[in-house]
Protein backbone atom coordinates (compact mmCIF):
# COMPACT_ATOMS: atom_id res chain seq x y z
CA MET A 1 7.35 3.73 -6.64
CA LEU A 2 9.19 6.41 -8.68
CA GLN A 3 12.30 8.18 -7.41
CA ALA A 4 14.57 10.82 -8.89
CA LYS A 5 17.96 11.19 -7.22
CA ASN A 6 20.18 14.20 -7.83
CA ILE A 7 18.93 14.81 -11.36
CA ALA A 8 20.75 17.48 -13.36
CA LYS A 9 20.35 18.46 -17.01
CA ASP A 10 22.79 20.71 -18.86
CA TYR A 11 22.93 21.89 -22.46
CA ASN A 12 25.87 23.28 -24.37
CA ASP A 13 25.51 24.49 -27.95
CA GLY A 14 29.20 25.36 -28.23
CA ALA A 15 28.53 29.08 -28.39
CA ARG A 16 28.14 29.83 -24.70
CA ASP A 17 28.62 28.44 -21.24
CA ASP A 18 26.60 25.42 -20.16
CA LEU A 19 22.90 26.07 -19.62
CA HIS A 20 21.88 24.43 -16.34
CA VAL A 21 18.23 23.53 -16.85
CA LEU A 22 17.86 21.20 -13.85
CA ARG A 23 20.00 21.24 -10.71
CA ASP A 24 20.33 18.35 -8.22
CA ILE A 25 16.64 17.41 -8.20
CA THR A 26 15.41 14.72 -5.84
CA PHE A 27 11.80 13.62 -6.09
CA ASN A 28 9.65 10.76 -4.76
CA LEU A 29 6.25 9.57 -5.94
CA ASP A 30 4.33 6.87 -4.09
CA LYS A 31 1.85 4.42 -5.57
CA ALA A 32 -1.44 6.20 -6.45
CA GLU A 33 -0.02 9.57 -5.33
CA THR A 34 -0.74 12.68 -7.41
CA SER A 35 1.78 15.50 -7.79
CA ALA A 36 1.79 18.81 -9.64
CA ILE A 37 4.86 20.65 -10.92
CA ILE A 38 4.31 24.34 -11.57
CA GLY A 39 6.66 26.94 -12.97
CA THR A 40 7.03 29.57 -15.64
CA SER A 41 7.53 28.77 -19.32
CA GLY A 42 11.09 27.68 -19.96
CA SER A 43 11.71 26.65 -16.35
CA GLY A 44 12.43 23.03 -17.35
CA LYS A 45 9.14 21.40 -16.35
CA THR A 46 8.77 19.42 -19.55
CA THR A 47 12.44 18.43 -19.49
CA LEU A 48 12.02 17.06 -15.98
CA LEU A 49 8.85 15.21 -16.92
CA ASN A 50 10.55 13.65 -19.93
CA ILE A 51 13.49 12.51 -17.81
CA LEU A 52 11.17 10.98 -15.20
CA GLY A 53 9.27 9.22 -17.96
CA GLY A 54 12.39 7.86 -19.66
CA LEU A 55 11.95 9.99 -22.79
CA ASP A 56 15.08 12.08 -22.15
CA THR A 57 18.31 11.31 -20.31
CA PRO A 58 19.76 13.35 -17.43
CA SER A 59 23.28 14.76 -17.50
CA SER A 60 23.70 13.18 -14.07
CA GLY A 61 21.56 11.49 -11.45
CA HIS A 62 19.21 8.52 -11.43
CA VAL A 63 15.54 7.72 -12.01
CA LEU A 64 14.38 4.58 -10.21
CA LEU A 65 11.16 2.74 -11.00
CA ASN A 66 10.49 0.29 -8.17
CA GLY A 67 14.25 0.28 -7.57
CA LEU A 68 15.20 -0.20 -11.25
CA ASP A 69 17.50 2.49 -12.66
CA VAL A 70 15.65 3.46 -15.86
CA HIS A 71 18.55 5.30 -17.48
CA LYS A 72 20.97 2.41 -17.10
CA LEU A 73 18.80 0.37 -19.47
CA SER A 74 19.19 0.14 -23.23
CA GLU A 75 16.83 2.24 -25.35
CA LYS A 76 14.92 -0.91 -26.30
CA LYS A 77 14.38 -1.83 -22.65
CA ARG A 78 13.39 1.76 -21.79
CA CYS A 79 10.76 1.57 -24.54
CA THR A 80 9.44 -1.61 -22.95
CA ILE A 81 9.32 0.07 -19.53
CA ARG A 82 7.46 3.07 -20.94
CA ASN A 83 4.93 0.87 -22.72
CA LYS A 84 4.28 -1.30 -19.67
CA TYR A 85 4.44 1.09 -16.73
CA PHE A 86 3.92 4.66 -18.02
CA GLY A 87 1.17 6.59 -19.75
CA PHE A 88 1.58 10.03 -21.33
CA ILE A 89 -0.89 12.88 -21.91
CA TYR A 90 0.23 16.01 -23.74
CA GLN A 91 -1.18 19.48 -24.41
CA PHE A 92 -1.84 18.35 -27.98
CA HIS A 93 -3.48 14.96 -28.27
CA HIS A 94 -1.02 13.39 -30.78
CA LEU A 95 -3.64 10.96 -32.03
CA LEU A 96 -2.80 9.23 -35.32
CA PRO A 97 -5.10 10.84 -37.91
CA GLU A 98 -5.56 7.76 -40.09
CA PHE A 99 -6.92 5.62 -37.24
CA THR A 100 -10.24 5.69 -35.39
CA ALA A 101 -10.57 6.51 -31.69
CA VAL A 102 -10.70 2.84 -30.69
CA GLU A 103 -7.70 2.02 -32.88
CA ASN A 104 -5.68 4.90 -31.42
CA VAL A 105 -6.50 3.87 -27.86
CA ALA A 106 -5.72 0.20 -28.54
CA MET A 107 -2.28 1.09 -29.94
CA PRO A 108 -0.23 0.70 -26.67
CA LEU A 109 -1.62 -2.81 -26.22
CA LEU A 110 -0.98 -3.76 -29.83
CA ILE A 111 2.60 -2.47 -29.61
CA ARG A 112 3.04 -4.67 -26.56
CA GLY A 113 2.00 -7.66 -28.66
CA GLY A 114 -1.50 -8.24 -27.32
CA SER A 115 -4.25 -9.75 -29.41
CA VAL A 116 -6.28 -7.42 -31.61
CA GLU A 117 -9.58 -8.52 -30.07
CA GLN A 118 -8.42 -8.06 -26.47
CA ALA A 119 -6.86 -4.68 -27.28
CA LYS A 120 -10.10 -3.57 -28.92
CA GLN A 121 -12.19 -4.68 -25.94
CA SER A 122 -9.90 -2.85 -23.48
CA ALA A 123 -9.95 0.28 -25.66
CA GLU A 124 -13.74 0.23 -25.88
CA LYS A 125 -13.98 -0.08 -22.08
CA VAL A 126 -11.77 2.91 -21.32
CA LEU A 127 -13.35 5.00 -24.08
CA ASP A 128 -16.68 4.28 -22.41
CA ASP A 129 -15.13 5.43 -19.12
CA VAL A 130 -14.23 8.81 -20.67
CA GLY A 131 -17.66 9.24 -22.26
CA LEU A 132 -16.78 8.35 -25.86
CA LYS A 133 -18.69 5.10 -26.31
CA HIS A 134 -20.65 6.72 -29.14
CA ARG A 135 -17.45 7.89 -30.95
CA LEU A 136 -15.45 4.65 -31.12
CA HIS A 137 -15.17 4.56 -34.89
CA HIS A 138 -14.64 8.26 -35.55
CA LYS A 139 -11.24 9.53 -36.68
CA PRO A 140 -9.59 12.49 -34.87
CA SER A 141 -10.72 14.92 -37.58
CA GLU A 142 -14.30 13.96 -36.76
CA LEU A 143 -13.93 14.63 -33.03
CA SER A 144 -14.10 17.92 -31.16
CA GLY A 145 -11.05 19.25 -29.31
CA GLY A 146 -12.40 18.04 -25.99
CA GLU A 147 -13.22 14.62 -27.43
CA ARG A 148 -9.74 14.25 -28.90
CA GLN A 149 -8.19 15.00 -25.52
CA ARG A 150 -10.50 12.50 -23.83
CA ALA A 151 -9.37 9.90 -26.36
CA ALA A 152 -5.76 10.76 -25.50
CA ILE A 153 -6.56 10.29 -21.80
CA ALA A 154 -8.08 6.89 -22.62
CA ARG A 155 -4.96 5.91 -24.59
CA ALA A 156 -2.75 6.79 -21.60
CA LEU A 157 -4.83 4.61 -19.28
CA VAL A 158 -5.73 1.63 -21.48
CA HIS A 159 -2.79 -0.53 -20.37
CA ARG A 160 -3.30 0.26 -16.67
CA PRO A 161 0.10 1.95 -16.16
CA ASP A 162 1.70 2.54 -12.79
CA CYS A 163 2.18 6.24 -13.53
CA ILE A 164 0.65 8.88 -15.80
CA PHE A 165 2.76 11.84 -16.97
CA ALA A 166 0.59 14.78 -18.03
CA ASP A 167 2.24 17.81 -19.67
CA GLU A 168 -0.16 20.78 -19.69
CA PRO A 169 -3.02 18.42 -20.62
CA THR A 170 -5.61 21.23 -20.63
CA GLY A 171 -3.47 23.93 -22.23
CA ASN A 172 -5.20 23.61 -25.61
CA LEU A 173 -8.77 23.47 -24.25
CA ASP A 174 -11.37 26.05 -23.28
CA ARG A 175 -12.28 26.32 -19.59
CA LYS A 176 -15.29 24.00 -19.75
CA ASN A 177 -13.43 21.22 -21.58
CA ALA A 178 -10.35 21.79 -19.41
CA GLU A 179 -12.36 21.23 -16.24
CA HIS A 180 -13.94 18.11 -17.74
CA ALA A 181 -10.54 16.73 -18.74
CA ILE A 182 -9.05 17.29 -15.29
CA ASP A 183 -12.09 15.72 -13.64
CA LEU A 184 -11.58 12.66 -15.83
CA ILE A 185 -7.85 12.43 -15.15
CA VAL A 186 -8.27 12.79 -11.38
CA ASN A 187 -11.25 10.45 -11.09
CA LEU A 188 -9.82 7.76 -13.36
CA ASN A 189 -6.48 8.03 -11.58
CA LYS A 190 -8.27 6.99 -8.39
CA GLU A 191 -10.33 4.29 -10.10
CA TYR A 192 -7.31 2.77 -11.84
CA ASN A 193 -5.05 3.23 -8.77
CA THR A 194 -2.50 5.03 -10.92
CA SER A 195 0.08 7.61 -9.84
CA LEU A 196 0.01 10.98 -11.60
CA ILE A 197 2.54 13.73 -12.26
CA ILE A 198 1.05 16.77 -13.93
CA VAL A 199 2.91 19.80 -15.26
CA THR A 200 0.68 22.86 -15.30
CA HIS A 201 0.53 26.64 -15.15
CA ASP A 202 -2.92 26.44 -13.56
CA HIS A 203 -2.81 26.76 -9.77
CA ASP A 204 -6.43 25.55 -9.49
CA ILE A 205 -5.40 22.27 -11.13
CA ALA A 206 -2.31 22.01 -8.95
CA GLU A 207 -4.39 22.41 -5.80
CA ARG A 208 -6.26 19.21 -6.65
CA MET A 209 -3.09 17.13 -6.37
CA ASP A 210 -1.74 15.49 -3.21
CA THR A 211 1.58 17.35 -3.43
CA ILE A 212 2.72 20.48 -5.27
CA TYR A 213 6.23 21.38 -6.39
CA THR A 214 7.59 24.54 -7.95
CA LEU A 215 10.46 24.53 -10.44
CA GLU A 216 12.48 27.74 -10.53
CA ASP A 217 16.05 28.32 -11.72
CA GLY A 218 16.41 24.58 -12.15
CA VAL A 219 15.58 23.86 -8.51
CA LEU A 220 12.54 21.80 -7.48
CA SER A 221 10.90 22.80 -4.18
CA LYS A 222 7.92 21.31 -2.39
CA VAL A 223 5.17 23.82 -1.59
């Protein structure tokens, strides 16, 4: 479903030699498969995730979504691909503060051009799935940290994407809320038949995935 072929990412600020963040990475993710990428801070995990999700471009190599080379597309077409096929969950929820939970979750469908009523119904359904049926019309400032992250999980799933990219999704939560969030992500991934790539420092979380990779010195290795 998703393939990375010989991905490399280099940076040069003009003051030193090139910084090789990613080196010749090849990666495959099947439909409904779950994978974890673990590594120390600064190892390039987020950079790799952003390249796989079409948010950043590689210095060389290819990312293929069902055979389509994502980074050969225009930025406009990449945005369309991200909105249709990908969902994103971050350490910080990135909910829009002026909108309610249901409005935030409906946003991917509205951006796609769907009707307001259908987007609202879909948002209400997935918010119910994450246990927030009673908080539909609350703004982020009125939600707890765990509730905000559950709303972010709902937003990532509302358009039934092929793949979820999760970047340290529990890093800003206490242990109880972190466990709840991971339970939701894993269980809903199965229910929605969605693939999942999760970047994490937590080996307990990684062990719940189908496959585990380590990223060290820019090299991705399967555990």
